[in-house]
């Protein structure tokens, strides 16, 4: 069975032109037509985004029947965090706190999605992350995630994806954290490279901050960044889109 996944830091739907316009994000998401969408920097009831619940807004306008939202940062008015939108049913959902000390709140949103077609289904565990701007903090956060019961208890053959804005400018997390845990980097530019597909800044990409890692009964078919002209303005990041094939032979049921 095949499915398309998209990860995108939407920058609260505020573009590089300083304009809040969630409909630009809607148009980009509609164009790429992903089955599962992982969003970061999603506002809820914040003045800068017209007090909208952006997770609900995108879900409604794009007709995603299933969604999960994990709010990580509490502001004077409103919150923001990560959101997962899915055409497939979401079973387990939990927000894993990756905050370290008094540093800015960070989280990983765990959702368990049942990918289906007419005759078969398979469970895929998804972790939607937004990591620290500091390298040392990022390493600690990924270790916290790997040691969490959500991830540590998953069988090695269980289809699992960790994706999002990892703020990993130098590409060191792949070697230091993900490869030792048997994760494959989908967003590497070429075989054996630590450098990822460039996604930031959107108008002239020079860094691969938005990454996708996977393991288990999954096969990567195709991966690319959005080349829409609108995507270069709608956020300071570009979305990354990956097509996967999931095996049903040993998949665990929800």
C-alpha atoms as a PDB file:
ATOM      1  CA  UNK A   1       0.000   0.000   0.000  1.00  0.00           C
ATOM      2  CA  UNK A   2       1.208   3.463  -0.863  1.00  0.00           C
ATOM      3  CA  UNK A   3       0.688   6.751   0.920  1.00  0.00           C
ATOM      4  CA  UNK A   4       2.006  10.294   0.640  1.00  0.00           C
ATOM      5  CA  UNK A   5       3.361  12.205   3.648  1.00  0.00           C
ATOM      6  CA  UNK A   6       4.127  15.923   3.808  1.00  0.00           C
ATOM      7  CA  UNK A   7       5.981  17.803   6.548  1.00  0.00           C
ATOM      8  CA  UNK A   8       5.852  21.599   6.709  1.00  0.00           C
ATOM      9  CA  UNK A   9       6.780  24.333   9.167  1.00  0.00           C
ATOM     10  CA  UNK A  10       4.057  26.820   8.242  1.00  0.00           C
ATOM     11  CA  UNK A  11       5.460  29.699  10.340  1.00  0.00           C
ATOM     12  CA  UNK A  12       1.975  30.366  11.789  1.00  0.00           C
ATOM     13  CA  UNK A  13       0.779  30.950   8.193  1.00  0.00           C
ATOM     14  CA  UNK A  14       2.714  34.231   8.199  1.00  0.00           C
ATOM     15  CA  UNK A  15       4.699  34.544   4.985  1.00  0.00           C
ATOM     16  CA  UNK A  16       8.072  36.117   4.344  1.00  0.00           C
ATOM     17  CA  UNK A  17       6.130  39.190   3.248  1.00  0.00           C
ATOM     18  CA  UNK A  18       4.858  39.509   6.835  1.00  0.00           C
ATOM     19  CA  UNK A  19       1.264  38.759   5.819  1.00  0.00           C
ATOM     20  CA  UNK A  20      -0.937  36.277   7.641  1.00  0.00           C
ATOM     21  CA  UNK A  21      -2.722  34.234   4.999  1.00  0.00           C
ATOM     22  CA  UNK A  22      -3.756  30.661   5.871  1.00  0.00           C
ATOM     23  CA  UNK A  23      -5.353  30.222   2.452  1.00  0.00           C
ATOM     24  CA  UNK A  24      -1.904  30.207   0.865  1.00  0.00           C
ATOM     25  CA  UNK A  25      -1.044  27.224   3.039  1.00  0.00           C
ATOM     26  CA  UNK A  26      -4.342  25.601   2.056  1.00  0.00           C
ATOM     27  CA  UNK A  27      -3.508  26.012  -1.634  1.00  0.00           C
ATOM     28  CA  UNK A  28      -0.042  24.496  -1.212  1.00  0.00           C
ATOM     29  CA  UNK A  29      -1.355  21.526   0.755  1.00  0.00           C
ATOM     30  CA  UNK A  30      -4.168  20.955  -1.720  1.00  0.00           C
ATOM     31  CA  UNK A  31      -1.709  20.947  -4.629  1.00  0.00           C
ATOM     32  CA  UNK A  32       0.539  18.273  -3.099  1.00  0.00           C
ATOM     33  CA  UNK A  33      -2.444  16.174  -2.021  1.00  0.00           C
ATOM     34  CA  UNK A  34      -0.767  14.238   0.805  1.00  0.00           C
ATOM     35  CA  UNK A  35      -2.577  11.515   2.730  1.00  0.00           C
ATOM     36  CA  UNK A  36      -0.848  12.552   5.959  1.00  0.00           C
ATOM     37  CA  UNK A  37       0.296  16.081   6.773  1.00  0.00           C
ATOM     38  CA  UNK A  38       2.671  16.981   9.619  1.00  0.00           C
ATOM     39  CA  UNK A  39       2.637  20.695  10.441  1.00  0.00           C
ATOM     40  CA  UNK A  40       4.768  22.717  12.845  1.00  0.00           C
ATOM     41  CA  UNK A  41       4.196  26.216  14.290  1.00  0.00           C
ATOM     42  CA  UNK A  42       0.431  25.870  14.255  1.00  0.00           C
ATOM     43  CA  UNK A  43      -1.383  28.596  16.220  1.00  0.00           C
ATOM     44  CA  UNK A  44      -4.530  28.308  18.271  1.00  0.00           C
ATOM     45  CA  UNK A  45      -6.325  31.466  19.475  1.00  0.00           C
ATOM     46  CA  UNK A  46      -3.272  33.725  19.009  1.00  0.00           C
ATOM     47  CA  UNK A  47      -3.842  37.402  18.007  1.00  0.00           C
ATOM     48  CA  UNK A  48      -1.159  37.322  15.278  1.00  0.00           C
ATOM     49  CA  UNK A  49      -3.218  34.671  13.440  1.00  0.00           C
ATOM     50  CA  UNK A  50      -6.645  36.246  13.930  1.00  0.00           C
ATOM     51  CA  UNK A  51      -7.357  33.991  16.930  1.00  0.00           C
ATOM     52  CA  UNK A  52      -7.945  31.051  14.564  1.00  0.00           C
ATOM     53  CA  UNK A  53      -7.472  27.410  15.439  1.00  0.00           C
ATOM     54  CA  UNK A  54      -5.219  26.724  12.454  1.00  0.00           C
ATOM     55  CA  UNK A  55      -5.239  22.943  12.842  1.00  0.00           C
ATOM     56  CA  UNK A  56      -9.022  22.936  12.629  1.00  0.00           C
ATOM     57  CA  UNK A  57      -8.992  25.498   9.802  1.00  0.00           C
ATOM     58  CA  UNK A  58      -6.744  23.403   7.562  1.00  0.00           C
ATOM     59  CA  UNK A  59      -8.517  20.174   8.428  1.00  0.00           C
ATOM     60  CA  UNK A  60     -11.895  21.673   7.543  1.00  0.00           C
ATOM     61  CA  UNK A  61     -10.866  23.409   4.322  1.00  0.00           C
ATOM     62  CA  UNK A  62      -8.938  20.405   3.014  1.00  0.00           C
ATOM     63  CA  UNK A  63     -11.442  17.798   4.209  1.00  0.00           C
ATOM     64  CA  UNK A  64      -9.063  15.782   6.357  1.00  0.00           C
ATOM     65  CA  UNK A  65     -11.428  13.741   8.493  1.00  0.00           C
ATOM     66  CA  UNK A  66      -8.859  13.018  11.200  1.00  0.00           C
ATOM     67  CA  UNK A  67      -6.530  15.348  13.040  1.00  0.00           C
ATOM     68  CA  UNK A  68      -4.466  15.576  16.203  1.00  0.00           C
ATOM     69  CA  UNK A  69      -2.964  18.713  17.680  1.00  0.00           C
ATOM     70  CA  UNK A  70      -0.222  19.009  20.297  1.00  0.00           C
ATOM     71  CA  UNK A  71       0.220  22.473  21.779  1.00  0.00           C
ATOM     72  CA  UNK A  72       3.751  23.033  23.084  1.00  0.00           C
ATOM     73  CA  UNK A  73       4.087  26.770  23.749  1.00  0.00           C
ATOM     74  CA  UNK A  74       1.696  28.721  25.982  1.00  0.00           C
ATOM     75  CA  UNK A  75       1.605  32.428  25.143  1.00  0.00           C
ATOM     76  CA  UNK A  76      -0.054  35.383  26.896  1.00  0.00           C
ATOM     77  CA  UNK A  77      -2.941  34.808  24.534  1.00  0.00           C
ATOM     78  CA  UNK A  78      -3.254  31.444  22.859  1.00  0.00           C
ATOM     79  CA  UNK A  79      -0.902  28.533  22.153  1.00  0.00           C
ATOM     80  CA  UNK A  80       1.040  26.975  19.314  1.00  0.00           C
ATOM     81  CA  UNK A  81       2.556  23.615  18.483  1.00  0.00           C
ATOM     82  CA  UNK A  82       2.300  20.731  16.021  1.00  0.00           C
ATOM     83  CA  UNK A  83      -0.671  19.328  14.104  1.00  0.00           C
ATOM     84  CA  UNK A  84      -1.167  16.073  12.204  1.00  0.00           C
ATOM     85  CA  UNK A  85      -3.891  15.847   9.547  1.00  0.00           C
ATOM     86  CA  UNK A  86      -4.828  12.485   8.073  1.00  0.00           C
ATOM     87  CA  UNK A  87      -7.183  10.857   5.617  1.00  0.00           C
ATOM     88  CA  UNK A  88      -6.706   7.660   7.593  1.00  0.00           C
ATOM     89  CA  UNK A  89      -8.010   7.025  11.085  1.00  0.00           C
ATOM     90  CA  UNK A  90      -5.832   8.061  14.022  1.00  0.00           C
ATOM     91  CA  UNK A  91      -5.751   5.671  16.960  1.00  0.00           C
ATOM     92  CA  UNK A  92      -3.228   6.511  19.654  1.00  0.00           C
ATOM     93  CA  UNK A  93      -2.256  10.163  19.994  1.00  0.00           C
ATOM     94  CA  UNK A  94      -0.021  11.724  22.611  1.00  0.00           C
ATOM     95  CA  UNK A  95       2.205  14.757  22.963  1.00  0.00           C
ATOM     96  CA  UNK A  96       5.691  13.922  24.250  1.00  0.00           C
ATOM     97  CA  UNK A  97       7.293  16.767  26.192  1.00  0.00           C
ATOM     98  CA  UNK A  98      10.850  17.403  24.967  1.00  0.00           C
ATOM     99  CA  UNK A  99      11.373  20.589  26.984  1.00  0.00           C
ATOM    100  CA  UNK A 100      14.730  20.818  28.755  1.00  0.00           C
ATOM    101  CA  UNK A 101      14.893  22.878  31.932  1.00  0.00           C
ATOM    102  CA  UNK A 102      13.769  26.455  31.452  1.00  0.00           C
ATOM    103  CA  UNK A 103      14.406  26.405  27.726  1.00  0.00           C
ATOM    104  CA  UNK A 104      11.664  27.032  25.188  1.00  0.00           C
ATOM    105  CA  UNK A 105       8.971  24.365  25.271  1.00  0.00           C
ATOM    106  CA  UNK A 106       9.334  21.696  22.595  1.00  0.00           C
ATOM    107  CA  UNK A 107       7.394  18.549  21.836  1.00  0.00           C
ATOM    108  CA  UNK A 108       6.971  15.493  19.640  1.00  0.00           C
ATOM    109  CA  UNK A 109       3.449  14.560  18.676  1.00  0.00           C
ATOM    110  CA  UNK A 110       2.947  10.799  18.435  1.00  0.00           C
ATOM    111  CA  UNK A 111       0.054   9.540  16.325  1.00  0.00           C
ATOM    112  CA  UNK A 112      -0.709   5.969  15.271  1.00  0.00           C
ATOM    113  CA  UNK A 113      -2.347   5.952  11.862  1.00  0.00           C
ATOM    114  CA  UNK A 114      -4.020   3.014  10.152  1.00  0.00           C
ATOM    115  CA  UNK A 115      -3.235   3.187   6.432  1.00  0.00           C
ATOM    116  CA  UNK A 116      -5.980   1.443   4.463  1.00  0.00           C
ATOM    117  CA  UNK A 117      -7.074   0.439   1.023  1.00  0.00           C
ATOM    118  CA  UNK A 118     -10.104  -1.646   0.048  1.00  0.00           C
ATOM    119  CA  UNK A 119      -8.715  -4.958   1.231  1.00  0.00           C
ATOM    120  CA  UNK A 120      -5.780  -4.323   3.551  1.00  0.00           C
ATOM    121  CA  UNK A 121      -4.556  -2.065   6.327  1.00  0.00           C
ATOM    122  CA  UNK A 122      -1.310  -1.380   8.158  1.00  0.00           C
ATOM    123  CA  UNK A 123      -0.398   0.660  11.200  1.00  0.00           C
ATOM    124  CA  UNK A 124       2.225   3.417  10.931  1.00  0.00           C
ATOM    125  CA  UNK A 125       3.598   5.265  13.973  1.00  0.00           C
ATOM    126  CA  UNK A 126       4.314   8.937  13.277  1.00  0.00           C
ATOM    127  CA  UNK A 127       6.316  11.395  15.361  1.00  0.00           C
ATOM    128  CA  UNK A 128       5.837  15.054  14.381  1.00  0.00           C
ATOM    129  CA  UNK A 129       8.720  17.063  15.878  1.00  0.00           C
ATOM    130  CA  UNK A 130      10.035  20.598  16.185  1.00  0.00           C
ATOM    131  CA  UNK A 131      13.471  20.634  17.817  1.00  0.00           C
ATOM    132  CA  UNK A 132      15.623  23.271  19.493  1.00  0.00           C
ATOM    133  CA  UNK A 133      17.756  25.869  17.752  1.00  0.00           C
ATOM    134  CA  UNK A 134      20.741  24.688  19.852  1.00  0.00           C
ATOM    135  CA  UNK A 135      22.721  21.613  18.749  1.00  0.00           C
ATOM    136  CA  UNK A 136      23.292  20.297  22.281  1.00  0.00           C
ATOM    137  CA  UNK A 137      19.603  20.635  23.087  1.00  0.00           C
ATOM    138  CA  UNK A 138      18.633  18.871  19.851  1.00  0.00           C
ATOM    139  CA  UNK A 139      20.806  15.877  20.701  1.00  0.00           C
ATOM    140  CA  UNK A 140      19.215  15.641  24.135  1.00  0.00           C
ATOM    141  CA  UNK A 141      15.717  15.989  22.716  1.00  0.00           C
ATOM    142  CA  UNK A 142      16.214  13.191  20.197  1.00  0.00           C
ATOM    143  CA  UNK A 143      17.631  10.987  22.962  1.00  0.00           C
ATOM    144  CA  UNK A 144      14.572  11.762  25.094  1.00  0.00           C
ATOM    145  CA  UNK A 145      12.345  10.812  22.178  1.00  0.00           C
ATOM    146  CA  UNK A 146      14.201   7.568  21.476  1.00  0.00           C
ATOM    147  CA  UNK A 147      14.005   6.609  25.169  1.00  0.00           C
ATOM    148  CA  UNK A 148      10.313   7.469  25.507  1.00  0.00           C
ATOM    149  CA  UNK A 149       7.961   4.524  26.008  1.00  0.00           C
ATOM    150  CA  UNK A 150       6.145   5.550  22.809  1.00  0.00           C
ATOM    151  CA  UNK A 151       9.200   4.832  20.669  1.00  0.00           C
ATOM    152  CA  UNK A 152      11.373   2.513  22.770  1.00  0.00           C
ATOM    153  CA  UNK A 153       8.637  -0.125  22.942  1.00  0.00           C
ATOM    154  CA  UNK A 154       8.009  -0.276  19.194  1.00  0.00           C
ATOM    155  CA  UNK A 155       9.223  -3.448  17.433  1.00  0.00           C
ATOM    156  CA  UNK A 156      12.031  -2.755  14.982  1.00  0.00           C
ATOM    157  CA  UNK A 157       9.906  -3.888  12.028  1.00  0.00           C
ATOM    158  CA  UNK A 158       6.966  -1.637  12.938  1.00  0.00           C
ATOM    159  CA  UNK A 159       6.561   1.104  10.277  1.00  0.00           C
ATOM    160  CA  UNK A 160       7.708   4.295  11.993  1.00  0.00           C
ATOM    161  CA  UNK A 161       8.410   7.827  10.749  1.00  0.00           C
ATOM    162  CA  UNK A 162       9.993  10.756  12.600  1.00  0.00           C
ATOM    163  CA  UNK A 163       9.665  14.001  10.673  1.00  0.00           C
ATOM    164  CA  UNK A 164       9.473  17.740  11.095  1.00  0.00           C
ATOM    165  CA  UNK A 165      11.575  20.838  11.594  1.00  0.00           C
ATOM    166  CA  UNK A 166      14.733  19.509  13.202  1.00  0.00           C
ATOM    167  CA  UNK A 167      16.761  22.735  12.950  1.00  0.00           C
ATOM    168  CA  UNK A 168      19.746  20.499  12.194  1.00  0.00           C
ATOM    169  CA  UNK A 169      21.887  22.851  10.148  1.00  0.00           C
ATOM    170  CA  UNK A 170      24.980  20.609  10.035  1.00  0.00           C
ATOM    171  CA  UNK A 171      23.195  17.314   9.494  1.00  0.00           C
ATOM    172  CA  UNK A 172      24.788  15.729  12.573  1.00  0.00           C
ATOM    173  CA  UNK A 173      21.644  14.149  14.044  1.00  0.00           C
ATOM    174  CA  UNK A 174      21.576  11.463  11.364  1.00  0.00           C
ATOM    175  CA  UNK A 175      24.958  10.055  12.379  1.00  0.00           C
ATOM    176  CA  UNK A 176      24.735  10.745  16.105  1.00  0.00           C
ATOM    177  CA  UNK A 177      21.160   9.753  16.891  1.00  0.00           C
ATOM    178  CA  UNK A 178      19.110   8.276  14.059  1.00  0.00           C
ATOM    179  CA  UNK A 179      21.451   5.790  12.361  1.00  0.00           C
ATOM    180  CA  UNK A 180      22.326   4.057  15.671  1.00  0.00           C
ATOM    181  CA  UNK A 181      18.574   3.533  16.178  1.00  0.00           C
ATOM    182  CA  UNK A 182      18.227   1.967  12.709  1.00  0.00           C
ATOM    183  CA  UNK A 183      16.448   4.940  11.136  1.00  0.00           C
ATOM    184  CA  UNK A 184      17.075   5.761   7.485  1.00  0.00           C
ATOM    185  CA  UNK A 185      17.184   9.376   6.325  1.00  0.00           C
ATOM    186  CA  UNK A 186      14.671   9.904   3.526  1.00  0.00           C
ATOM    187  CA  UNK A 187      15.718  13.509   2.939  1.00  0.00           C
ATOM    188  CA  UNK A 188      19.424  12.971   2.251  1.00  0.00           C
ATOM    189  CA  UNK A 189      20.549  14.526  -1.019  1.00  0.00           C
ATOM    190  CA  UNK A 190      22.453  11.456  -2.173  1.00  0.00           C
ATOM    191  CA  UNK A 191      23.461   8.040  -0.865  1.00  0.00           C
ATOM    192  CA  UNK A 192      25.791   8.314   2.120  1.00  0.00           C
ATOM    193  CA  UNK A 193      25.387  12.092   2.386  1.00  0.00           C
ATOM    194  CA  UNK A 194      24.687  13.799   5.707  1.00  0.00           C
ATOM    195  CA  UNK A 195      23.275  16.832   3.881  1.00  0.00           C
ATOM    196  CA  UNK A 196      19.522  17.011   3.433  1.00  0.00           C
ATOM    197  CA  UNK A 197      17.211  18.464   0.808  1.00  0.00           C
ATOM    198  CA  UNK A 198      17.389  22.230   1.305  1.00  0.00           C
ATOM    199  CA  UNK A 199      14.213  23.835   2.653  1.00  0.00           C
ATOM    200  CA  UNK A 200      15.238  27.027   4.482  1.00  0.00           C
ATOM    201  CA  UNK A 201      14.901  29.897   3.893  1.00  0.00           C
ATOM    202  CA  UNK A 202      12.063  29.260   1.491  1.00  0.00           C
ATOM    203  CA  UNK A 203      12.931  32.070  -0.958  1.00  0.00           C
ATOM    204  CA  UNK A 204      16.565  30.900  -1.380  1.00  0.00           C
ATOM    205  CA  UNK A 205      17.035  27.507   0.323  1.00  0.00           C
ATOM    206  CA  UNK A 206      20.500  26.915   1.769  1.00  0.00           C
ATOM    207  CA  UNK A 207      19.852  24.531   4.683  1.00  0.00           C
ATOM    208  CA  UNK A 208      18.024  21.234   5.086  1.00  0.00           C
ATOM    209  CA  UNK A 209      16.184  21.811   8.350  1.00  0.00           C
ATOM    210  CA  UNK A 210      13.069  19.791   7.552  1.00  0.00           C
ATOM    211  CA  UNK A 211      13.841  16.079   7.622  1.00  0.00           C
ATOM    212  CA  UNK A 212      12.146  12.696   7.435  1.00  0.00           C
ATOM    213  CA  UNK A 213      13.547   9.526   9.030  1.00  0.00           C
ATOM    214  CA  UNK A 214      11.945   6.102   8.799  1.00  0.00           C
ATOM    215  CA  UNK A 215      12.401   2.442   9.731  1.00  0.00           C
ATOM    216  CA  UNK A 216      10.461  -0.825   9.737  1.00  0.00           C
ATOM    217  CA  UNK A 217       8.362  -2.214   6.914  1.00  0.00           C
ATOM    218  CA  UNK A 218       8.478   0.922   4.807  1.00  0.00           C
ATOM    219  CA  UNK A 219       9.979   1.607   1.398  1.00  0.00           C
ATOM    220  CA  UNK A 220      10.681   5.120   0.185  1.00  0.00           C
ATOM    221  CA  UNK A 221       9.464   5.572  -3.384  1.00  0.00           C
ATOM    222  CA  UNK A 222      10.040   9.260  -4.044  1.00  0.00           C
ATOM    223  CA  UNK A 223      10.881  12.423  -2.132  1.00  0.00           C
ATOM    224  CA  UNK A 224      11.057  16.081  -3.102  1.00  0.00           C
ATOM    225  CA  UNK A 225      10.580  19.617  -1.804  1.00  0.00           C
ATOM    226  CA  UNK A 226       7.809  21.835  -3.069  1.00  0.00           C
ATOM    227  CA  UNK A 227       8.749  23.914  -6.082  1.00  0.00           C
ATOM    228  CA  UNK A 228       5.602  25.994  -6.106  1.00  0.00           C
ATOM    229  CA  UNK A 229       6.226  29.697  -6.471  1.00  0.00           C
ATOM    230  CA  UNK A 230       3.647  30.312  -3.743  1.00  0.00           C
ATOM    231  CA  UNK A 231       5.584  28.117  -1.298  1.00  0.00           C
ATOM    232  CA  UNK A 232       8.547  30.478  -1.510  1.00  0.00           C
ATOM    233  CA  UNK A 233       6.397  33.221   0.032  1.00  0.00           C
ATOM    234  CA  UNK A 234       3.777  31.528   2.235  1.00  0.00           C
ATOM    235  CA  UNK A 235       6.245  30.478   4.974  1.00  0.00           C
ATOM    236  CA  UNK A 236       9.966  30.725   5.688  1.00  0.00           C
ATOM    237  CA  UNK A 237      10.257  26.940   5.164  1.00  0.00           C
ATOM    238  CA  UNK A 238       9.442  24.777   2.154  1.00  0.00           C
ATOM    239  CA  UNK A 239       7.359  21.627   2.578  1.00  0.00           C
ATOM    240  CA  UNK A 240       8.914  18.216   1.954  1.00  0.00           C
ATOM    241  CA  UNK A 241       6.808  15.488   0.339  1.00  0.00           C
ATOM    242  CA  UNK A 242       7.562  11.749   0.487  1.00  0.00           C
ATOM    243  CA  UNK A 243       5.808   8.777  -1.108  1.00  0.00           C
ATOM    244  CA  UNK A 244       6.079   5.526   0.857  1.00  0.00           C
ATOM    245  CA  UNK A 245       5.012   1.944   0.391  1.00  0.00           C
ATOM    246  CA  UNK A 246       4.093   0.063   3.552  1.00  0.00           C
ATOM    247  CA  UNK A 247       4.147  -3.720   3.867  1.00  0.00           C
ATOM    248  CA  UNK A 248       1.183  -5.374   5.567  1.00  0.00           C
ATOM    249  CA  UNK A 249       2.879  -8.711   6.192  1.00  0.00           C
ATOM    250  CA  UNK A 250       4.128  -8.035   9.727  1.00  0.00           C
ATOM    251  CA  UNK A 251       2.318  -4.771  10.542  1.00  0.00           C
ATOM    252  CA  UNK A 252       0.753  -4.498  13.989  1.00  0.00           C
ATOM    253  CA  UNK A 253      -2.927  -3.671  14.176  1.00  0.00           C
ATOM    254  CA  UNK A 254      -4.248  -0.644  16.075  1.00  0.00           C
END
